[in-house]
């Protein structure tokens, strides 16, 4: 099943695949719930079949992520405190704001360098880098380096998945069959208990 799905993706023009990967890498900073890492991992599985190449996917996703970071840096730079502190952006929570404030005060640019490795708070770091008036060029370069290192890791994971699709597909299929079997047994037990209880209620 997994192999069939990936085969369908392989039939798509590689340029479109690169475009989709760029989009998800870029949009993550604008819309944090975006599953960009998952998309990149799935895209990287295609490297094993030579549908796309390692270097282009690494550069495209890293640049896309850095550009998305800078877009939100600009928003933070010009609107900063007014937007962040008044709760106008729902996915940024008060706890995240306080935590990131403290981190910026202590770590500064080093925080941008490791932002990709900070799940849960990295979505607001781009805003704060602008609100704290950090240098744009230095911020972009550090964001790109952070994305480059992170994407290297998750693309490698995707490559390993791509090299083991039959094995992964086997385990997923086996898991699904086990779950279906357990579900069927539970349903049968519930039905048996229901009919036994119903039969008892009918007895005088």
N, C-alpha and C. Protein backbone atom coordinates (compact mmCIF):
# COMPACT_ATOMS: atom_id res chain seq x y z
N UNK A 1 0.82 -1.21 0.00
CA UNK A 1 0.00 0.00 0.00
C UNK A 1 0.86 1.26 0.00
N UNK A 2 1.85 1.29 0.91
CA UNK A 2 2.76 2.43 0.96
C UNK A 2 3.55 2.55 -0.33
N UNK A 3 4.00 1.40 -0.83
CA UNK A 3 4.76 1.39 -2.07
C UNK A 3 3.93 1.91 -3.23
N UNK A 4 2.64 1.57 -3.24
CA UNK A 4 1.74 2.04 -4.29
C UNK A 4 1.57 3.56 -4.24
N UNK A 5 1.42 4.09 -3.02
CA UNK A 5 1.26 5.53 -2.85
C UNK A 5 2.51 6.27 -3.32
N UNK A 6 3.68 5.75 -2.96
CA UNK A 6 4.92 6.41 -3.38
C UNK A 6 5.13 6.29 -4.88
N UNK A 7 4.67 5.18 -5.45
CA UNK A 7 4.78 5.00 -6.90
C UNK A 7 3.95 6.06 -7.63
N UNK A 8 2.80 6.40 -7.04
CA UNK A 8 1.95 7.44 -7.62
C UNK A 8 2.66 8.79 -7.57
N UNK A 9 3.33 9.06 -6.43
CA UNK A 9 4.05 10.33 -6.29
C UNK A 9 5.21 10.40 -7.27
N UNK A 10 5.85 9.26 -7.50
CA UNK A 10 7.00 9.22 -8.42
C UNK A 10 6.60 9.59 -9.85
N UNK A 11 5.33 9.39 -10.16
CA UNK A 11 4.87 9.69 -11.52
C UNK A 11 4.68 11.20 -11.76
N UNK A 12 4.75 11.97 -10.66
CA UNK A 12 4.59 13.42 -10.77
C UNK A 12 5.89 14.04 -11.26
N UNK A 13 5.79 15.12 -12.02
CA UNK A 13 6.96 15.85 -12.49
C UNK A 13 7.81 16.28 -11.30
N UNK A 14 9.12 15.95 -11.29
CA UNK A 14 9.99 16.32 -10.16
C UNK A 14 9.97 17.81 -9.83
N UNK A 15 9.78 18.65 -10.85
CA UNK A 15 9.73 20.09 -10.60
C UNK A 15 8.57 20.46 -9.68
N UNK A 16 7.45 19.77 -9.84
CA UNK A 16 6.29 20.01 -8.97
C UNK A 16 6.57 19.53 -7.55
N UNK A 17 7.31 18.42 -7.46
CA UNK A 17 7.67 17.90 -6.13
C UNK A 17 8.55 18.91 -5.40
N UNK A 18 9.53 19.47 -6.11
CA UNK A 18 10.41 20.47 -5.52
C UNK A 18 9.61 21.71 -5.09
N UNK A 19 8.65 22.08 -5.93
CA UNK A 19 7.82 23.25 -5.63
C UNK A 19 7.00 23.03 -4.37
N UNK A 20 6.43 21.83 -4.24
CA UNK A 20 5.64 21.50 -3.04
C UNK A 20 6.52 21.52 -1.80
N UNK A 21 7.71 20.96 -1.90
CA UNK A 21 8.63 20.93 -0.77
C UNK A 21 9.04 22.34 -0.36
N UNK A 22 9.30 23.19 -1.35
CA UNK A 22 9.63 24.59 -1.06
C UNK A 22 8.48 25.28 -0.34
N UNK A 23 7.27 25.05 -0.85
CA UNK A 23 6.08 25.68 -0.26
C UNK A 23 5.91 25.30 1.20
N UNK A 24 6.01 24.01 1.50
CA UNK A 24 5.82 23.57 2.89
C UNK A 24 6.94 24.06 3.80
N UNK A 25 8.17 24.10 3.28
CA UNK A 25 9.28 24.61 4.08
C UNK A 25 9.08 26.10 4.37
N UNK A 26 8.57 26.82 3.41
CA UNK A 26 8.34 28.27 3.57
C UNK A 26 7.16 28.55 4.50
N UNK A 27 6.07 27.82 4.30
CA UNK A 27 4.82 28.14 5.00
C UNK A 27 4.86 27.78 6.47
N UNK A 28 5.79 26.91 6.88
CA UNK A 28 5.82 26.50 8.28
C UNK A 28 5.99 27.69 9.22
N UNK A 29 6.81 28.66 8.83
CA UNK A 29 7.03 29.83 9.68
C UNK A 29 5.83 30.77 9.69
N UNK A 30 5.05 30.74 8.61
CA UNK A 30 3.87 31.58 8.51
C UNK A 30 2.67 30.92 9.16
N UNK A 31 2.59 29.60 9.00
CA UNK A 31 1.48 28.82 9.56
C UNK A 31 2.07 27.60 10.26
N UNK A 32 2.48 27.75 11.52
CA UNK A 32 3.21 26.70 12.24
C UNK A 32 2.59 25.31 12.24
N UNK A 33 1.24 25.16 12.24
CA UNK A 33 0.70 23.79 12.21
C UNK A 33 1.02 23.01 10.95
N UNK A 34 1.61 23.68 9.95
CA UNK A 34 1.94 23.00 8.71
C UNK A 34 2.90 21.83 8.96
N UNK A 35 2.60 20.64 8.42
CA UNK A 35 3.44 19.45 8.68
C UNK A 35 4.64 19.40 7.76
N UNK A 36 5.44 20.45 7.73
CA UNK A 36 6.52 20.55 6.75
C UNK A 36 7.57 19.45 6.91
N UNK A 37 7.94 19.13 8.14
CA UNK A 37 8.96 18.11 8.35
C UNK A 37 8.51 16.76 7.82
N UNK A 38 7.24 16.44 8.04
CA UNK A 38 6.69 15.17 7.55
C UNK A 38 6.73 15.14 6.02
N UNK A 39 6.36 16.26 5.40
CA UNK A 39 6.36 16.34 3.94
C UNK A 39 7.77 16.18 3.39
N UNK A 40 8.74 16.82 4.05
CA UNK A 40 10.13 16.71 3.60
C UNK A 40 10.64 15.28 3.72
N UNK A 41 10.30 14.62 4.83
CA UNK A 41 10.71 13.22 5.01
C UNK A 41 10.12 12.34 3.91
N UNK A 42 8.82 12.53 3.65
CA UNK A 42 8.18 11.74 2.60
C UNK A 42 8.79 12.04 1.24
N UNK A 43 9.06 13.32 1.00
CA UNK A 43 9.69 13.70 -0.27
C UNK A 43 11.07 13.07 -0.41
N UNK A 44 11.81 13.01 0.69
CA UNK A 44 13.16 12.46 0.66
C UNK A 44 13.18 10.96 0.36
N UNK A 45 12.07 10.28 0.62
CA UNK A 45 12.02 8.85 0.29
C UNK A 45 12.17 8.63 -1.22
N UNK A 46 11.86 9.65 -2.01
CA UNK A 46 11.95 9.53 -3.46
C UNK A 46 13.38 9.59 -3.97
N UNK A 47 14.32 9.99 -3.09
CA UNK A 47 15.73 10.03 -3.49
C UNK A 47 16.21 8.63 -3.83
N UNK A 48 15.70 7.64 -3.08
CA UNK A 48 16.12 6.25 -3.30
C UNK A 48 15.76 5.76 -4.70
N UNK A 49 14.70 6.31 -5.27
CA UNK A 49 14.27 5.88 -6.61
C UNK A 49 14.78 6.82 -7.70
N UNK A 50 15.65 7.76 -7.31
CA UNK A 50 16.23 8.74 -8.25
C UNK A 50 15.20 9.66 -8.88
N UNK A 51 14.02 9.78 -8.23
CA UNK A 51 13.00 10.71 -8.73
C UNK A 51 13.46 12.14 -8.50
N UNK A 52 14.03 12.40 -7.33
CA UNK A 52 14.60 13.71 -7.03
C UNK A 52 15.98 13.48 -6.41
N UNK A 53 16.77 14.56 -6.30
CA UNK A 53 18.14 14.43 -5.83
C UNK A 53 18.33 15.07 -4.46
N UNK A 54 19.34 14.59 -3.73
CA UNK A 54 19.59 15.04 -2.36
C UNK A 54 19.91 16.53 -2.29
N UNK A 55 20.87 17.00 -3.09
CA UNK A 55 21.32 18.39 -2.99
C UNK A 55 20.20 19.39 -3.32
N UNK A 56 19.46 19.19 -4.42
CA UNK A 56 18.37 20.15 -4.70
C UNK A 56 17.31 20.20 -3.60
N UNK A 57 16.91 19.05 -3.08
CA UNK A 57 15.88 19.06 -2.04
C UNK A 57 16.40 19.73 -0.77
N UNK A 58 17.69 19.54 -0.46
CA UNK A 58 18.28 20.17 0.71
C UNK A 58 18.33 21.69 0.55
N UNK A 59 18.78 22.15 -0.60
CA UNK A 59 18.88 23.59 -0.84
C UNK A 59 17.51 24.26 -0.90
N UNK A 60 16.58 23.61 -1.59
CA UNK A 60 15.25 24.18 -1.77
C UNK A 60 14.52 24.31 -0.43
N UNK A 61 14.56 23.26 0.37
CA UNK A 61 13.85 23.30 1.66
C UNK A 61 14.53 24.25 2.64
N UNK A 62 15.85 24.32 2.60
CA UNK A 62 16.58 25.20 3.52
C UNK A 62 16.34 26.67 3.17
N UNK A 63 16.41 26.99 1.89
CA UNK A 63 16.15 28.37 1.47
C UNK A 63 14.70 28.75 1.72
N UNK A 64 13.78 27.81 1.44
CA UNK A 64 12.36 28.08 1.69
C UNK A 64 12.10 28.37 3.15
N UNK A 65 12.70 27.58 4.03
CA UNK A 65 12.52 27.78 5.46
C UNK A 65 13.10 29.13 5.90
N UNK A 66 14.30 29.47 5.39
CA UNK A 66 14.94 30.74 5.77
C UNK A 66 14.12 31.93 5.26
N UNK A 67 13.55 31.83 4.06
CA UNK A 67 12.73 32.92 3.53
C UNK A 67 11.45 33.10 4.34
N UNK A 68 10.84 31.98 4.74
CA UNK A 68 9.65 32.05 5.59
C UNK A 68 9.99 32.68 6.94
N UNK A 69 11.16 32.33 7.46
CA UNK A 69 11.63 32.90 8.72
C UNK A 69 11.76 34.42 8.59
N UNK A 70 12.37 34.87 7.50
CA UNK A 70 12.58 36.31 7.29
C UNK A 70 11.27 37.05 7.07
N UNK A 71 10.30 36.41 6.43
CA UNK A 71 9.00 37.05 6.25
C UNK A 71 8.39 37.40 7.61
N UNK A 72 8.43 36.46 8.54
CA UNK A 72 7.86 36.72 9.85
C UNK A 72 8.77 37.63 10.68
N UNK A 73 10.06 37.64 10.36
CA UNK A 73 10.99 38.61 10.97
C UNK A 73 10.54 40.03 10.62
N UNK A 74 10.19 40.23 9.35
CA UNK A 74 9.74 41.55 8.90
C UNK A 74 8.46 41.97 9.62
N UNK A 75 7.53 41.01 9.77
CA UNK A 75 6.30 41.31 10.50
C UNK A 75 6.63 41.71 11.93
N UNK A 76 7.52 40.96 12.56
CA UNK A 76 7.91 41.28 13.93
C UNK A 76 8.64 42.61 14.01
N UNK A 77 9.44 42.91 12.99
CA UNK A 77 10.23 44.15 12.99
C UNK A 77 9.32 45.38 12.94
N UNK A 78 8.30 45.33 12.09
CA UNK A 78 7.45 46.52 11.89
C UNK A 78 6.27 46.58 12.86
N UNK A 79 5.79 45.42 13.29
CA UNK A 79 4.60 45.43 14.14
C UNK A 79 4.87 44.91 15.56
N UNK A 80 5.90 44.08 15.66
CA UNK A 80 6.42 43.58 16.91
C UNK A 80 5.47 43.43 18.07
N UNK A 81 5.71 44.25 19.07
CA UNK A 81 5.00 44.14 20.34
C UNK A 81 3.49 44.25 20.19
N UNK A 82 3.02 45.14 19.33
CA UNK A 82 1.57 45.37 19.20
C UNK A 82 0.82 44.10 18.79
N UNK A 83 1.44 43.31 17.91
CA UNK A 83 0.79 42.08 17.47
C UNK A 83 1.02 40.96 18.48
N UNK A 84 2.25 40.82 18.92
CA UNK A 84 2.61 39.69 19.77
C UNK A 84 1.96 39.74 21.14
N UNK A 85 1.89 40.92 21.73
CA UNK A 85 1.44 41.03 23.11
C UNK A 85 -0.08 41.09 23.27
N UNK A 86 -0.78 41.44 22.21
CA UNK A 86 -2.23 41.61 22.32
C UNK A 86 -3.01 40.36 21.96
N UNK A 87 -2.30 39.26 21.74
CA UNK A 87 -2.97 37.98 21.48
C UNK A 87 -3.69 37.91 20.16
N UNK A 88 -3.25 38.70 19.16
CA UNK A 88 -3.93 38.70 17.87
C UNK A 88 -3.56 37.47 17.03
N UNK A 89 -2.47 36.82 17.38
CA UNK A 89 -2.07 35.60 16.67
C UNK A 89 -2.31 34.43 17.61
N UNK A 90 -3.34 33.67 17.33
CA UNK A 90 -3.85 32.66 18.27
C UNK A 90 -2.87 31.54 18.57
N UNK A 91 -2.01 31.17 17.58
CA UNK A 91 -1.16 30.03 17.81
C UNK A 91 0.08 30.38 18.65
N UNK A 92 0.26 31.66 18.99
CA UNK A 92 1.36 32.07 19.85
C UNK A 92 0.80 32.28 21.25
N UNK A 93 1.22 31.45 22.18
CA UNK A 93 0.69 31.49 23.53
C UNK A 93 1.55 32.36 24.45
N UNK A 94 0.94 32.80 25.53
CA UNK A 94 1.62 33.67 26.48
C UNK A 94 2.88 33.01 27.03
N UNK A 95 2.81 31.73 27.34
CA UNK A 95 3.97 31.03 27.88
C UNK A 95 5.12 31.02 26.89
N UNK A 96 4.78 30.84 25.59
CA UNK A 96 5.81 30.86 24.55
C UNK A 96 6.48 32.23 24.47
N UNK A 97 5.67 33.28 24.62
CA UNK A 97 6.21 34.65 24.56
C UNK A 97 7.20 34.89 25.69
N UNK A 98 6.83 34.54 26.89
CA UNK A 98 7.70 34.76 28.04
C UNK A 98 8.98 33.94 27.93
N UNK A 99 8.83 32.70 27.49
CA UNK A 99 9.98 31.81 27.36
C UNK A 99 10.94 32.36 26.30
N UNK A 100 10.39 32.78 25.16
CA UNK A 100 11.24 33.28 24.08
C UNK A 100 11.89 34.61 24.45
N UNK A 101 11.18 35.47 25.19
CA UNK A 101 11.75 36.72 25.70
C UNK A 101 13.00 36.44 26.51
N UNK A 102 12.87 35.50 27.42
CA UNK A 102 14.00 35.15 28.29
C UNK A 102 15.16 34.59 27.49
N UNK A 103 14.83 33.74 26.51
CA UNK A 103 15.87 33.13 25.69
C UNK A 103 16.61 34.17 24.86
N UNK A 104 15.85 35.12 24.27
CA UNK A 104 16.50 36.15 23.46
C UNK A 104 17.41 37.03 24.31
N UNK A 105 16.95 37.34 25.52
CA UNK A 105 17.76 38.15 26.40
C UNK A 105 19.07 37.47 26.76
N UNK A 106 19.06 36.15 26.81
CA UNK A 106 20.25 35.41 27.22
C UNK A 106 21.12 34.95 26.06
N UNK A 107 20.45 34.49 24.97
CA UNK A 107 21.20 33.84 23.90
C UNK A 107 21.31 34.64 22.61
N UNK A 108 20.37 35.54 22.33
CA UNK A 108 20.45 36.37 21.12
C UNK A 108 20.49 35.58 19.83
N UNK A 109 21.53 35.86 19.00
CA UNK A 109 21.65 35.23 17.69
C UNK A 109 21.81 33.72 17.78
N UNK A 110 22.38 33.24 18.86
CA UNK A 110 22.57 31.79 18.99
C UNK A 110 21.23 31.06 19.02
N UNK A 111 20.19 31.77 19.47
CA UNK A 111 18.86 31.17 19.49
C UNK A 111 18.36 30.91 18.07
N UNK A 112 18.67 31.82 17.16
CA UNK A 112 18.27 31.64 15.76
C UNK A 112 19.00 30.45 15.15
N UNK A 113 20.27 30.30 15.52
CA UNK A 113 21.08 29.23 14.98
C UNK A 113 20.53 27.85 15.32
N UNK A 114 19.87 27.73 16.47
CA UNK A 114 19.34 26.42 16.89
C UNK A 114 17.81 26.36 16.82
N UNK A 115 17.19 27.36 16.18
CA UNK A 115 15.73 27.45 16.23
C UNK A 115 15.03 26.23 15.65
N UNK A 116 15.61 25.60 14.65
CA UNK A 116 14.96 24.44 14.03
C UNK A 116 14.91 23.24 14.97
N UNK A 117 15.73 23.27 16.01
CA UNK A 117 15.79 22.14 16.94
C UNK A 117 14.99 22.42 18.22
N UNK A 118 14.13 23.44 18.17
CA UNK A 118 13.35 23.82 19.34
C UNK A 118 11.86 23.69 19.06
N UNK A 119 11.33 22.48 19.00
CA UNK A 119 9.91 22.28 18.71
C UNK A 119 9.04 22.91 19.79
N UNK A 120 7.94 23.52 19.35
CA UNK A 120 7.00 24.12 20.30
C UNK A 120 7.22 25.60 20.46
N UNK A 121 8.47 26.08 20.26
CA UNK A 121 8.73 27.52 20.42
C UNK A 121 9.38 28.13 19.18
N UNK A 122 9.88 27.28 18.27
CA UNK A 122 10.57 27.84 17.11
C UNK A 122 9.64 28.66 16.22
N UNK A 123 8.33 28.41 16.32
CA UNK A 123 7.38 29.14 15.48
C UNK A 123 7.29 30.62 15.84
N UNK A 124 7.72 31.00 17.05
CA UNK A 124 7.64 32.40 17.44
C UNK A 124 9.00 33.10 17.42
N UNK A 125 10.06 32.33 17.24
CA UNK A 125 11.40 32.93 17.27
C UNK A 125 11.58 33.92 16.13
N UNK A 126 11.01 33.61 14.97
CA UNK A 126 11.13 34.53 13.83
C UNK A 126 10.49 35.88 14.14
N UNK A 127 9.33 35.87 14.82
CA UNK A 127 8.68 37.12 15.21
C UNK A 127 9.59 37.93 16.14
N UNK A 128 10.13 37.25 17.13
CA UNK A 128 10.93 37.94 18.14
C UNK A 128 12.24 38.46 17.59
N UNK A 129 12.82 37.77 16.61
CA UNK A 129 14.06 38.25 16.03
C UNK A 129 13.84 39.61 15.36
N UNK A 130 12.65 39.79 14.77
CA UNK A 130 12.32 41.10 14.20
C UNK A 130 11.96 42.12 15.25
N UNK A 131 11.17 41.69 16.23
CA UNK A 131 10.75 42.59 17.31
C UNK A 131 11.95 43.08 18.11
N UNK A 132 12.99 42.27 18.22
CA UNK A 132 14.20 42.66 18.94
C UNK A 132 15.21 43.37 18.04
N UNK A 133 14.81 43.64 16.80
CA UNK A 133 15.62 44.42 15.86
C UNK A 133 17.00 43.81 15.61
N UNK A 134 17.05 42.48 15.46
CA UNK A 134 18.31 41.85 15.12
C UNK A 134 18.65 42.13 13.66
N UNK A 135 19.92 42.05 13.32
CA UNK A 135 20.36 42.33 11.95
C UNK A 135 19.74 41.33 10.97
N UNK A 136 19.12 41.86 9.91
CA UNK A 136 18.36 41.00 9.00
C UNK A 136 19.25 40.01 8.25
N UNK A 137 20.37 40.47 7.72
CA UNK A 137 21.24 39.60 6.94
C UNK A 137 21.81 38.49 7.81
N UNK A 138 22.28 38.84 8.99
CA UNK A 138 22.83 37.84 9.91
C UNK A 138 21.74 36.87 10.34
N UNK A 139 20.55 37.40 10.57
CA UNK A 139 19.42 36.55 10.96
C UNK A 139 19.09 35.55 9.85
N UNK A 140 19.06 36.02 8.61
CA UNK A 140 18.75 35.15 7.48
C UNK A 140 19.80 34.04 7.35
N UNK A 141 21.08 34.41 7.44
CA UNK A 141 22.15 33.42 7.30
C UNK A 141 22.09 32.36 8.40
N UNK A 142 21.85 32.80 9.63
CA UNK A 142 21.78 31.85 10.74
C UNK A 142 20.55 30.96 10.63
N UNK A 143 19.42 31.54 10.18
CA UNK A 143 18.20 30.74 9.98
C UNK A 143 18.42 29.71 8.88
N UNK A 144 19.16 30.11 7.83
CA UNK A 144 19.44 29.19 6.72
C UNK A 144 20.35 28.05 7.18
N UNK A 145 21.35 28.38 8.00
CA UNK A 145 22.26 27.35 8.52
C UNK A 145 21.49 26.36 9.40
N UNK A 146 20.64 26.90 10.27
CA UNK A 146 19.84 26.05 11.15
C UNK A 146 18.96 25.11 10.34
N UNK A 147 18.30 25.67 9.31
CA UNK A 147 17.43 24.86 8.45
C UNK A 147 18.24 23.83 7.68
N UNK A 148 19.43 24.23 7.23
CA UNK A 148 20.30 23.33 6.46
C UNK A 148 20.67 22.09 7.28
N UNK A 149 21.10 22.32 8.52
CA UNK A 149 21.51 21.20 9.38
C UNK A 149 20.31 20.31 9.70
N UNK A 150 19.18 20.94 10.08
CA UNK A 150 17.98 20.17 10.42
C UNK A 150 17.48 19.36 9.23
N UNK A 151 17.42 20.00 8.06
CA UNK A 151 16.91 19.32 6.87
C UNK A 151 17.83 18.20 6.43
N UNK A 152 19.13 18.37 6.65
CA UNK A 152 20.07 17.28 6.34
C UNK A 152 19.69 16.02 7.12
N UNK A 153 19.35 16.21 8.39
CA UNK A 153 19.00 15.09 9.25
C UNK A 153 17.70 14.42 8.80
N UNK A 154 16.65 15.22 8.58
CA UNK A 154 15.36 14.61 8.25
C UNK A 154 15.33 14.08 6.82
N UNK A 155 16.12 14.67 5.93
CA UNK A 155 16.20 14.13 4.57
C UNK A 155 16.92 12.78 4.61
N UNK A 156 17.92 12.67 5.47
CA UNK A 156 18.61 11.38 5.63
C UNK A 156 17.64 10.32 6.13
N UNK A 157 16.79 10.70 7.09
CA UNK A 157 15.77 9.77 7.58
C UNK A 157 14.86 9.33 6.43
N UNK A 158 14.45 10.29 5.61
CA UNK A 158 13.60 9.97 4.47
C UNK A 158 14.28 9.04 3.49
N UNK A 159 15.59 9.25 3.27
CA UNK A 159 16.34 8.37 2.38
C UNK A 159 16.37 6.94 2.91
N UNK A 160 16.56 6.81 4.22
CA UNK A 160 16.58 5.47 4.81
C UNK A 160 15.23 4.79 4.68
N UNK A 161 14.16 5.58 4.84
CA UNK A 161 12.82 5.02 4.63
C UNK A 161 12.64 4.57 3.19
N UNK A 162 13.12 5.40 2.27
CA UNK A 162 12.99 5.07 0.85
C UNK A 162 13.72 3.80 0.47
N UNK A 163 14.83 3.52 1.17
CA UNK A 163 15.60 2.31 0.89
C UNK A 163 15.00 1.06 1.52
N UNK A 164 14.01 1.27 2.38
CA UNK A 164 13.41 0.13 3.10
C UNK A 164 11.88 0.11 2.99
N UNK A 165 11.37 0.60 1.87
CA UNK A 165 9.91 0.68 1.68
C UNK A 165 9.23 -0.68 1.82
N UNK A 166 9.74 -1.75 1.19
CA UNK A 166 9.05 -3.05 1.33
C UNK A 166 8.94 -3.50 2.78
N UNK A 167 10.03 -3.31 3.57
CA UNK A 167 10.01 -3.72 4.97
C UNK A 167 9.03 -2.88 5.77
N UNK A 168 9.06 -1.55 5.54
CA UNK A 168 8.14 -0.64 6.25
C UNK A 168 6.70 -0.96 5.87
N UNK A 169 6.47 -1.22 4.58
CA UNK A 169 5.13 -1.55 4.11
C UNK A 169 4.64 -2.84 4.76
N UNK A 170 5.54 -3.79 4.93
CA UNK A 170 5.19 -5.07 5.57
C UNK A 170 4.75 -4.84 7.01
N UNK A 171 5.53 -4.06 7.75
CA UNK A 171 5.19 -3.80 9.15
C UNK A 171 3.89 -3.01 9.29
N UNK A 172 3.69 -2.03 8.40
CA UNK A 172 2.45 -1.25 8.45
C UNK A 172 1.24 -2.14 8.15
N UNK A 173 1.38 -3.01 7.15
CA UNK A 173 0.30 -3.92 6.78
C UNK A 173 0.00 -4.89 7.93
N UNK A 174 1.07 -5.45 8.52
CA UNK A 174 0.91 -6.37 9.64
C UNK A 174 0.22 -5.68 10.81
N UNK A 175 0.66 -4.44 11.10
CA UNK A 175 0.06 -3.66 12.19
C UNK A 175 -1.43 -3.44 11.93
N UNK A 176 -1.77 -3.08 10.69
CA UNK A 176 -3.18 -2.84 10.34
C UNK A 176 -4.01 -4.10 10.52
N UNK A 177 -3.45 -5.23 10.09
CA UNK A 177 -4.18 -6.50 10.22
C UNK A 177 -4.40 -6.87 11.68
N UNK A 178 -3.39 -6.62 12.51
CA UNK A 178 -3.53 -6.91 13.95
C UNK A 178 -4.62 -6.05 14.57
N UNK A 179 -4.61 -4.76 14.23
CA UNK A 179 -5.61 -3.83 14.76
C UNK A 179 -7.01 -4.23 14.32
N UNK A 180 -7.14 -4.61 13.04
CA UNK A 180 -8.44 -5.05 12.52
C UNK A 180 -8.91 -6.30 13.26
N UNK A 181 -7.97 -7.24 13.49
CA UNK A 181 -8.31 -8.47 14.21
C UNK A 181 -8.75 -8.20 15.64
N UNK A 182 -8.03 -7.33 16.34
CA UNK A 182 -8.39 -6.97 17.72
C UNK A 182 -9.75 -6.29 17.76
N UNK A 183 -9.98 -5.39 16.80
CA UNK A 183 -11.26 -4.68 16.74
C UNK A 183 -12.41 -5.65 16.52
N UNK A 184 -12.19 -6.61 15.61
CA UNK A 184 -13.24 -7.60 15.32
C UNK A 184 -13.55 -8.45 16.56
N UNK A 185 -12.51 -8.84 17.30
CA UNK A 185 -12.70 -9.64 18.51
C UNK A 185 -13.48 -8.85 19.56
N UNK A 186 -13.13 -7.59 19.73
CA UNK A 186 -13.82 -6.73 20.70
C UNK A 186 -15.29 -6.58 20.33
N UNK A 187 -15.57 -6.38 19.03
CA UNK A 187 -16.96 -6.23 18.58
C UNK A 187 -17.75 -7.51 18.84
N UNK A 188 -17.13 -8.66 18.55
CA UNK A 188 -17.80 -9.95 18.77
C UNK A 188 -18.11 -10.14 20.26
N UNK A 189 -17.15 -9.83 21.12
CA UNK A 189 -17.36 -9.97 22.57
C UNK A 189 -18.50 -9.07 23.04
N UNK A 190 -18.52 -7.84 22.55
CA UNK A 190 -19.58 -6.90 22.95
C UNK A 190 -20.94 -7.38 22.47
N UNK A 191 -20.99 -7.93 21.25
CA UNK A 191 -22.26 -8.43 20.73
C UNK A 191 -22.74 -9.64 21.53
N UNK A 192 -21.82 -10.55 21.84
CA UNK A 192 -22.19 -11.73 22.64
C UNK A 192 -22.72 -11.30 24.00
N UNK A 193 -22.04 -10.37 24.66
CA UNK A 193 -22.49 -9.88 25.96
C UNK A 193 -23.86 -9.20 25.87
N UNK A 194 -24.06 -8.48 24.76
CA UNK A 194 -25.35 -7.79 24.56
C UNK A 194 -26.49 -8.79 24.45
N UNK A 195 -26.30 -9.84 23.62
CA UNK A 195 -27.37 -10.82 23.42
C UNK A 195 -27.61 -11.67 24.67
N UNK A 196 -26.55 -11.97 25.41
CA UNK A 196 -26.72 -12.72 26.68
C UNK A 196 -27.52 -11.89 27.67
N UNK A 197 -27.17 -10.62 27.78
CA UNK A 197 -27.88 -9.74 28.70
C UNK A 197 -29.33 -9.56 28.28
N UNK A 198 -29.55 -9.45 26.97
CA UNK A 198 -30.91 -9.29 26.45
C UNK A 198 -31.75 -10.54 26.71
N UNK A 199 -31.12 -11.70 26.57
CA UNK A 199 -31.83 -12.96 26.78
C UNK A 199 -32.22 -13.11 28.25
N UNK A 200 -31.32 -12.68 29.15
CA UNK A 200 -31.61 -12.78 30.58
C UNK A 200 -32.78 -11.88 30.99
N UNK A 201 -32.85 -10.70 30.36
CA UNK A 201 -33.92 -9.76 30.71
C UNK A 201 -35.28 -10.27 30.26
N UNK A 202 -35.30 -11.18 29.28
CA UNK A 202 -36.56 -11.73 28.78
C UNK A 202 -37.06 -12.92 29.61
N UNK A 203 -36.15 -13.50 30.43
CA UNK A 203 -36.56 -14.64 31.23
C UNK A 203 -37.48 -14.19 32.37
N UNK A 204 -38.52 -15.01 32.72
CA UNK A 204 -39.46 -14.62 33.79
C UNK A 204 -38.77 -14.66 35.16
